[in-house]
Protein backbone atom coordinates (compact mmCIF):
# COMPACT_ATOMS: atom_id res chain seq x y z
CA UNK A 1 -136.80 27.63 27.83
CA UNK A 2 -135.08 25.62 30.51
CA UNK A 3 -135.04 26.59 34.18
CA UNK A 4 -131.89 24.67 35.11
CA UNK A 5 -129.33 26.40 37.33
CA UNK A 6 -127.08 28.96 35.73
CA UNK A 7 -123.50 27.82 35.16
CA UNK A 8 -120.93 29.20 37.59
CA UNK A 9 -118.49 29.90 34.75
CA UNK A 10 -118.71 30.74 31.08
CA UNK A 11 -115.52 29.90 29.24
CA UNK A 12 -114.23 31.52 26.09
CA UNK A 13 -111.27 30.76 23.88
CA UNK A 14 -109.94 32.53 20.84
CA UNK A 15 -106.93 32.32 18.55
CA UNK A 16 -104.16 34.98 18.64
CA UNK A 17 -105.80 36.80 15.74
CA UNK A 18 -108.40 39.58 15.42
CA UNK A 19 -111.60 38.39 17.09
CA UNK A 20 -114.66 40.11 18.51
CA UNK A 21 -114.22 37.88 21.57
CA UNK A 22 -110.70 39.14 22.16
CA UNK A 23 -111.83 42.76 21.89
CA UNK A 24 -114.81 42.26 24.21
CA UNK A 25 -112.61 40.50 26.77
CA UNK A 26 -109.91 43.17 26.54
CA UNK A 27 -112.49 45.91 27.14
CA UNK A 28 -113.93 44.05 30.12
CA UNK A 29 -117.39 43.86 28.57
CA UNK A 30 -117.85 40.10 28.89
CA UNK A 31 -117.07 40.13 32.62
CA UNK A 32 -119.38 43.12 33.14
CA UNK A 33 -122.28 41.55 31.23
CA UNK A 34 -122.52 38.46 33.41
CA UNK A 35 -121.34 39.82 36.78
CA UNK A 36 -124.92 40.61 37.82
CA UNK A 37 -125.78 36.94 37.41
CA UNK A 38 -122.88 35.84 39.57
CA UNK A 39 -121.31 34.14 36.54
CA UNK A 40 -117.56 34.29 36.08
CA UNK A 41 -116.37 34.71 32.49
CA UNK A 42 -112.95 33.13 32.10
CA UNK A 43 -110.45 32.74 29.28
CA UNK A 44 -109.38 29.20 28.53
CA UNK A 45 -105.95 30.62 27.73
CA UNK A 46 -105.60 31.63 31.41
CA UNK A 47 -107.03 28.42 32.87
CA UNK A 48 -104.97 25.79 34.67
CA UNK A 49 -103.72 22.97 32.47
CA UNK A 50 -106.13 20.51 34.10
CA UNK A 51 -109.02 22.62 32.80
CA UNK A 52 -107.58 23.91 29.55
CA UNK A 53 -106.13 20.65 28.17
CA UNK A 54 -106.70 20.68 24.41
CA UNK A 55 -110.22 22.11 24.62
CA UNK A 56 -109.32 25.00 22.31
CA UNK A 57 -109.18 22.38 19.56
CA UNK A 58 -111.69 19.79 20.79
CA UNK A 59 -114.28 22.17 22.29
CA UNK A 60 -114.98 19.40 24.82
CA UNK A 61 -115.84 21.68 27.73
CA UNK A 62 -119.33 22.62 28.89
CA UNK A 63 -120.08 26.33 28.80
CA UNK A 64 -117.38 27.06 26.22
CA UNK A 65 -117.55 29.66 23.43
CA UNK A 66 -114.84 29.46 20.77
CA UNK A 67 -113.87 32.04 18.16
CA UNK A 68 -111.00 30.77 16.09
CA UNK A 69 -109.82 28.92 13.04
CA UNK A 70 -112.34 26.89 11.10
CA UNK A 71 -110.04 23.87 10.64
CA UNK A 72 -110.21 22.76 14.31
CA UNK A 73 -113.90 23.77 14.49
CA UNK A 74 -114.82 21.65 11.47
CA UNK A 75 -112.59 18.79 12.64
CA UNK A 76 -114.29 18.78 16.03
CA UNK A 77 -117.76 18.77 14.50
CA UNK A 78 -116.79 16.01 12.06
CA UNK A 79 -115.80 13.85 15.05
CA UNK A 80 -119.25 14.20 16.54
CA UNK A 81 -118.60 16.85 19.19
CA UNK A 82 -121.93 18.61 19.95
CA UNK A 83 -121.17 22.20 18.94
CA UNK A 84 -123.24 24.76 17.05
CA UNK A 85 -122.12 27.47 14.68
CA UNK A 86 -123.54 30.81 15.90
CA UNK A 87 -121.55 33.34 13.88
CA UNK A 88 -118.91 33.94 11.23
CA UNK A 89 -116.49 36.82 10.75
CA UNK A 90 -114.30 37.68 7.78
CA UNK A 91 -111.24 39.84 8.17
CA UNK A 92 -108.46 40.13 5.61
CA UNK A 93 -105.23 38.99 7.27
CA UNK A 94 -102.55 39.59 4.61
CA UNK A 95 -102.31 36.14 3.07
CA UNK A 96 -99.12 35.91 1.04
CA UNK A 97 -96.69 33.58 -0.68
CA UNK A 98 -93.11 34.34 0.33
CA UNK A 99 -89.96 33.59 -1.66
CA UNK A 100 -86.26 34.29 -1.27
CA UNK A 101 -85.18 37.82 -2.10
CA UNK A 102 -83.33 36.69 -5.23
CA UNK A 103 -86.03 34.27 -6.43
CA UNK A 104 -87.27 34.42 -10.01
CA UNK A 105 -90.84 33.88 -8.78
CA UNK A 106 -92.72 37.12 -9.36
CA UNK A 107 -96.37 36.01 -9.56
CA UNK A 108 -98.65 33.03 -9.01
CA UNK A 109 -97.98 31.51 -12.43
CA UNK A 110 -94.29 31.27 -11.59
CA UNK A 111 -95.08 28.73 -8.85
CA UNK A 112 -95.54 26.03 -11.50
CA UNK A 113 -92.99 23.29 -10.87
CA UNK A 114 -91.70 25.01 -7.72
CA UNK A 115 -91.15 23.36 -4.33
CA UNK A 116 -93.82 24.53 -1.89
CA UNK A 117 -93.27 24.23 1.87
CA UNK A 118 -95.98 22.21 3.61
CA UNK A 119 -95.32 22.01 7.38
CA UNK A 120 -96.11 18.94 9.45
CA UNK A 121 -96.84 19.62 13.12
CA UNK A 122 -97.38 17.01 15.86
CA UNK A 123 -100.90 18.24 16.67
CA UNK A 124 -104.26 16.44 17.06
CA UNK A 125 -105.41 18.47 14.06
CA UNK A 126 -102.59 19.94 11.99
CA UNK A 127 -104.23 23.23 11.04
CA UNK A 128 -100.87 24.70 10.04
CA UNK A 129 -100.52 22.07 7.31
CA UNK A 130 -104.12 22.65 6.25
CA UNK A 131 -103.47 26.40 6.03
CA UNK A 132 -100.43 25.94 3.81
CA UNK A 133 -102.23 23.57 1.46
CA UNK A 134 -105.25 25.83 1.18
CA UNK A 135 -103.11 28.97 0.85
CA UNK A 136 -101.12 27.50 -2.02
CA UNK A 137 -104.32 26.21 -3.61
CA UNK A 138 -105.74 29.73 -3.53
CA UNK A 139 -102.59 31.27 -4.96
CA UNK A 140 -102.24 28.68 -7.73
CA UNK A 141 -105.91 28.98 -8.65
CA UNK A 142 -105.41 32.65 -9.59
CA UNK A 143 -103.14 31.43 -12.40
CA UNK A 144 -105.35 28.52 -13.43
CA UNK A 145 -103.09 26.02 -11.66
CA UNK A 146 -103.57 23.37 -8.96
CA UNK A 147 -101.37 21.69 -6.37
CA UNK A 148 -100.61 19.02 -8.97
CA UNK A 149 -98.68 21.67 -10.91
CA UNK A 150 -96.19 22.15 -8.07
CA UNK A 151 -93.99 19.98 -5.82
CA UNK A 152 -95.13 19.69 -2.19
CA UNK A 153 -92.26 19.42 0.28
CA UNK A 154 -92.93 18.24 3.84
CA UNK A 155 -91.24 20.45 6.45
CA UNK A 156 -91.18 19.00 9.99
CA UNK A 157 -92.11 21.73 12.46
CA UNK A 158 -92.03 22.19 16.22
CA UNK A 159 -95.31 23.30 17.78
CA UNK A 160 -93.35 25.28 20.40
CA UNK A 161 -91.18 27.18 17.90
CA UNK A 162 -92.00 30.58 16.43
CA UNK A 163 -94.72 30.58 13.80
CA UNK A 164 -93.50 30.05 10.24
CA UNK A 165 -89.89 29.56 11.42
CA UNK A 166 -89.51 25.99 10.11
CA UNK A 167 -90.80 26.92 6.65
CA UNK A 168 -88.79 30.15 6.47
CA UNK A 169 -85.63 28.34 7.62
CA UNK A 170 -86.21 25.84 4.80
CA UNK A 171 -86.63 28.73 2.38
CA UNK A 172 -83.39 30.32 3.52
CA UNK A 173 -81.63 26.94 3.25
CA UNK A 174 -82.86 26.56 -0.32
CA UNK A 175 -84.75 23.30 0.23
CA UNK A 176 -88.06 24.93 -0.74
CA UNK A 177 -88.93 27.72 -3.15
CA UNK A 178 -92.03 29.24 -1.54
CA UNK A 179 -93.80 29.56 1.82
CA UNK A 180 -97.41 30.43 2.56
CA UNK A 181 -97.92 32.81 5.49
CA UNK A 182 -100.60 35.08 6.89
CA UNK A 183 -101.24 37.62 9.59
CA UNK A 184 -99.21 40.03 11.70
CA UNK A 185 -96.57 37.62 12.95
CA UNK A 186 -95.98 36.44 9.37
CA UNK A 187 -95.22 40.01 8.29
CA UNK A 188 -92.60 40.29 11.01
CA UNK A 189 -91.18 36.80 10.42
CA UNK A 190 -90.76 37.50 6.69
CA UNK A 191 -88.83 40.67 7.48
CA UNK A 192 -86.54 38.81 9.91
CA UNK A 193 -85.77 36.10 7.35
CA UNK A 194 -85.28 38.49 4.45
CA UNK A 195 -88.12 36.90 2.48
CA UNK A 196 -89.96 38.70 -0.29
CA UNK A 197 -93.69 38.68 -1.06
CA UNK A 198 -94.34 37.16 -4.48
CA UNK A 199 -98.13 36.72 -4.32
CA UNK A 200 -100.62 38.92 -2.44
CA UNK A 201 -103.81 36.92 -2.11
CA UNK A 202 -105.61 39.88 -0.52
CA UNK A 203 -105.36 41.73 -3.82
CA UNK A 204 -107.45 39.20 -5.75
CA UNK A 205 -111.10 40.22 -6.29
CA UNK A 206 -112.49 36.71 -5.72
CA UNK A 207 -112.65 35.98 -1.98
CA UNK A 208 -112.84 32.24 -2.67
CA UNK A 209 -109.09 32.36 -3.33
CA UNK A 210 -108.61 33.41 0.31
CA UNK A 211 -110.85 30.84 2.00
CA UNK A 212 -108.63 29.34 4.67
CA UNK A 213 -108.44 28.61 8.38
CA UNK A 214 -109.33 32.17 9.39
CA UNK A 215 -111.54 33.15 6.47
CA UNK A 216 -114.31 32.81 7.38
CA UNK A 217 -113.68 32.45 11.13
CA UNK A 218 -116.44 30.67 13.10
CA UNK A 219 -117.90 31.40 16.50
CA UNK A 220 -119.10 28.17 18.06
CA UNK A 221 -120.69 27.13 21.34
CA UNK A 222 -121.35 23.89 23.14
CA UNK A 223 -124.80 22.69 22.13
CA UNK A 224 -125.75 21.92 25.74
CA UNK A 225 -125.36 25.59 26.71
CA UNK A 226 -127.46 26.71 23.75
CA UNK A 227 -130.20 24.22 24.64
CA UNK A 228 -130.19 24.84 28.41
CA UNK A 229 -129.52 28.59 28.48
CA UNK A 230 -130.20 30.18 25.09
CA UNK A 231 -130.51 33.60 26.74
CA UNK A 232 -126.87 33.41 27.90
CA UNK A 233 -125.74 32.59 24.38
CA UNK A 234 -127.75 35.52 23.01
CA UNK A 235 -126.28 37.92 25.57
CA UNK A 236 -122.74 36.70 24.92
CA UNK A 237 -123.20 37.26 21.20
CA UNK A 238 -124.71 40.70 21.81
CA UNK A 239 -121.50 41.72 23.59
CA UNK A 240 -119.44 40.46 20.65
CA UNK A 241 -121.63 42.38 18.21
CA UNK A 242 -121.09 45.52 20.28
CA UNK A 243 -117.32 44.88 20.30
CA UNK A 244 -117.32 44.55 16.51
CA UNK A 245 -119.11 47.90 16.31
CA UNK A 246 -116.56 49.46 18.67
CA UNK A 247 -113.76 48.18 16.41
CA UNK A 248 -115.31 49.97 13.43
CA UNK A 249 -115.33 53.28 15.32
CA UNK A 250 -111.96 53.01 17.10
CA UNK A 251 -109.22 51.96 14.65
CA UNK A 252 -106.42 53.22 16.89
CA UNK A 253 -107.82 51.43 19.92
CA UNK A 254 -108.30 48.31 17.84
CA UNK A 255 -104.67 48.40 16.72
CA UNK A 256 -103.56 48.36 20.36
CA UNK A 257 -105.86 45.44 21.13
CA UNK A 258 -104.64 43.52 18.07
CA UNK A 259 -101.04 44.02 19.11
CA UNK A 260 -101.84 42.39 22.45
CA UNK A 261 -103.96 39.64 20.91
CA UNK A 262 -101.54 38.67 18.12
CA UNK A 263 -98.27 39.27 19.97
CA UNK A 264 -97.04 41.38 17.06
CA UNK A 265 -95.69 44.91 17.09
CA UNK A 266 -97.28 47.95 15.51
CA UNK A 267 -95.56 47.36 12.15
CA UNK A 268 -96.77 43.77 11.99
CA UNK A 269 -100.34 44.72 12.84
CA UNK A 270 -100.36 47.61 10.37
CA UNK A 271 -98.91 45.44 7.63
CA UNK A 272 -101.33 42.56 8.16
CA UNK A 273 -104.59 44.41 8.74
CA UNK A 274 -104.17 47.33 6.40
CA UNK A 275 -107.24 47.28 4.10
CA UNK A 276 -110.43 48.18 5.97
CA UNK A 277 -109.14 46.02 8.81
CA UNK A 278 -110.89 48.00 11.54
CA UNK A 279 -114.31 47.49 9.89
CA UNK A 280 -114.10 43.80 9.10
CA UNK A 281 -115.19 42.12 12.35
CA UNK A 282 -118.90 42.24 11.67
CA UNK A 283 -120.59 38.99 12.64
CA UNK A 284 -122.99 37.31 10.24
CA UNK A 285 -124.37 34.03 8.97
CA UNK A 286 -125.19 35.10 5.43
CA UNK A 287 -125.65 32.54 2.68
CA UNK A 288 -122.43 33.78 1.11
CA UNK A 289 -120.37 33.20 4.25
CA UNK A 290 -121.96 29.81 4.86
CA UNK A 291 -121.19 28.83 1.25
CA UNK A 292 -117.55 29.88 1.67
CA UNK A 293 -117.30 27.75 4.81
CA UNK A 294 -118.92 24.84 2.97
CA UNK A 295 -116.23 25.16 0.31
CA UNK A 296 -113.59 24.97 3.03
CA UNK A 297 -115.26 21.87 4.48
CA UNK A 298 -115.19 20.16 1.10
CA UNK A 299 -111.51 20.98 0.56
CA UNK A 300 -110.47 19.86 4.04
CA UNK A 301 -112.30 16.58 3.57
CA UNK A 302 -110.61 16.08 0.19
CA UNK A 303 -107.22 16.57 1.89
CA UNK A 304 -108.09 14.03 4.60
CA UNK A 305 -108.41 16.40 7.55
CA UNK A 306 -112.05 15.53 8.35
CA UNK A 307 -113.22 12.06 9.33
CA UNK A 308 -116.82 12.68 8.26
CA UNK A 309 -118.79 15.30 6.31
CA UNK A 310 -120.08 18.42 8.08
CA UNK A 311 -123.40 19.83 6.88
CA UNK A 312 -122.73 23.54 7.37
CA UNK A 313 -126.34 24.67 7.32
CA UNK A 314 -127.40 21.96 9.73
CA UNK A 315 -124.55 23.00 12.02
CA UNK A 316 -125.55 26.67 11.93
CA UNK A 317 -127.89 28.08 14.57
CA UNK A 318 -128.83 31.59 13.37
CA UNK A 319 -131.47 32.47 15.97
CA UNK A 320 -129.10 33.60 18.77
CA UNK A 321 -127.49 36.13 16.43
CA UNK A 322 -130.89 37.42 15.33
CA UNK A 323 -131.89 37.89 18.96
CA UNK A 324 -128.53 39.46 19.79
CA UNK A 325 -129.21 42.21 17.25
CA UNK A 326 -132.20 43.27 19.35
CA UNK A 327 -130.06 43.54 22.48
CA UNK A 328 -127.34 45.62 20.87
CA UNK A 329 -127.56 49.45 21.09
CA UNK A 330 -125.93 49.95 17.67
CA UNK A 331 -128.16 49.59 14.59
CA UNK A 332 -128.19 45.96 13.48
CA UNK A 333 -127.21 46.91 9.93
CA UNK A 334 -123.90 48.22 11.23
CA UNK A 335 -122.83 44.92 12.73
CA UNK A 336 -125.17 41.98 12.20
CA UNK A 337 -126.12 41.32 8.62
CA UNK A 338 -127.88 38.56 6.74
CA UNK A 339 -126.33 39.63 3.47
CA UNK A 340 -124.09 42.67 3.63
CA UNK A 341 -122.78 44.49 0.61
CA UNK A 342 -119.35 43.17 1.54
CA UNK A 343 -120.65 39.59 1.48
CA UNK A 344 -121.98 40.10 -2.04
CA UNK A 345 -118.58 41.11 -3.42
């Protein structure tokens, strides 16, 4: 173990979705854990632009933990950024295919030959486009179809506009027949645009149909922090494990946190995270979750989003999570699992 000086600041960043990091930060647990060491724990989302830059996507900041979509995380790793995968969560986020209210599309099979909205954002890594492609792939697969059975329509989108607005505007204008969407803000956006849900991916028994940017969702850390201060990484993870346990026991409190984290109202949160949502933030690195992430890596590479292969198991560093279980008051089987019953579904 190294004896180099402790960092003055630990940074964290998360997406506006359900994350153990967001819960732990909201409850003040991350700040409390490291205060005795004189270490400030700061959110990249609240940092000045000179510090924040695009580090949420590139992870190019020492002392940074990231819990967010796997598309940017895999893209960063494929470009050679020294990060390590220290945890994965899986939470159902209401993945759906939306159509116009008067559309004849009633199920996945009806998407054959239809025009599917595929947004194009001016981003270093266009995770929105990746999400749409993977979401439609999952939906089509439930009917034995592929993307080749539909017509992909590029929809230029503004990174500063409301989520899903470009695709839903195209749907309302009749230039596309279907839109992929997910999460709490999607539920609200669909209601505003008068769109109807034609396909509920959450209802399908095979979780492989729902592998996408947020499923599974990785927790990553800069490799230098793990090498120089593994005990800090373990303690950070232990707080996240405890936050996941809190979420399982406090569904009402979790709903309030998710409303703040996602920017959605109570109806959006309830609609998106309805099925066992308050129990789904358990952190693990089971073979099943790693295999699901490997499937996502393969698909992203096939679509041209990754510049080089990512060996998922080589990327994974399971020891900090194992050690974190020993630092967490809750029984490890409640939160940290190598192969939970849920993962075997």
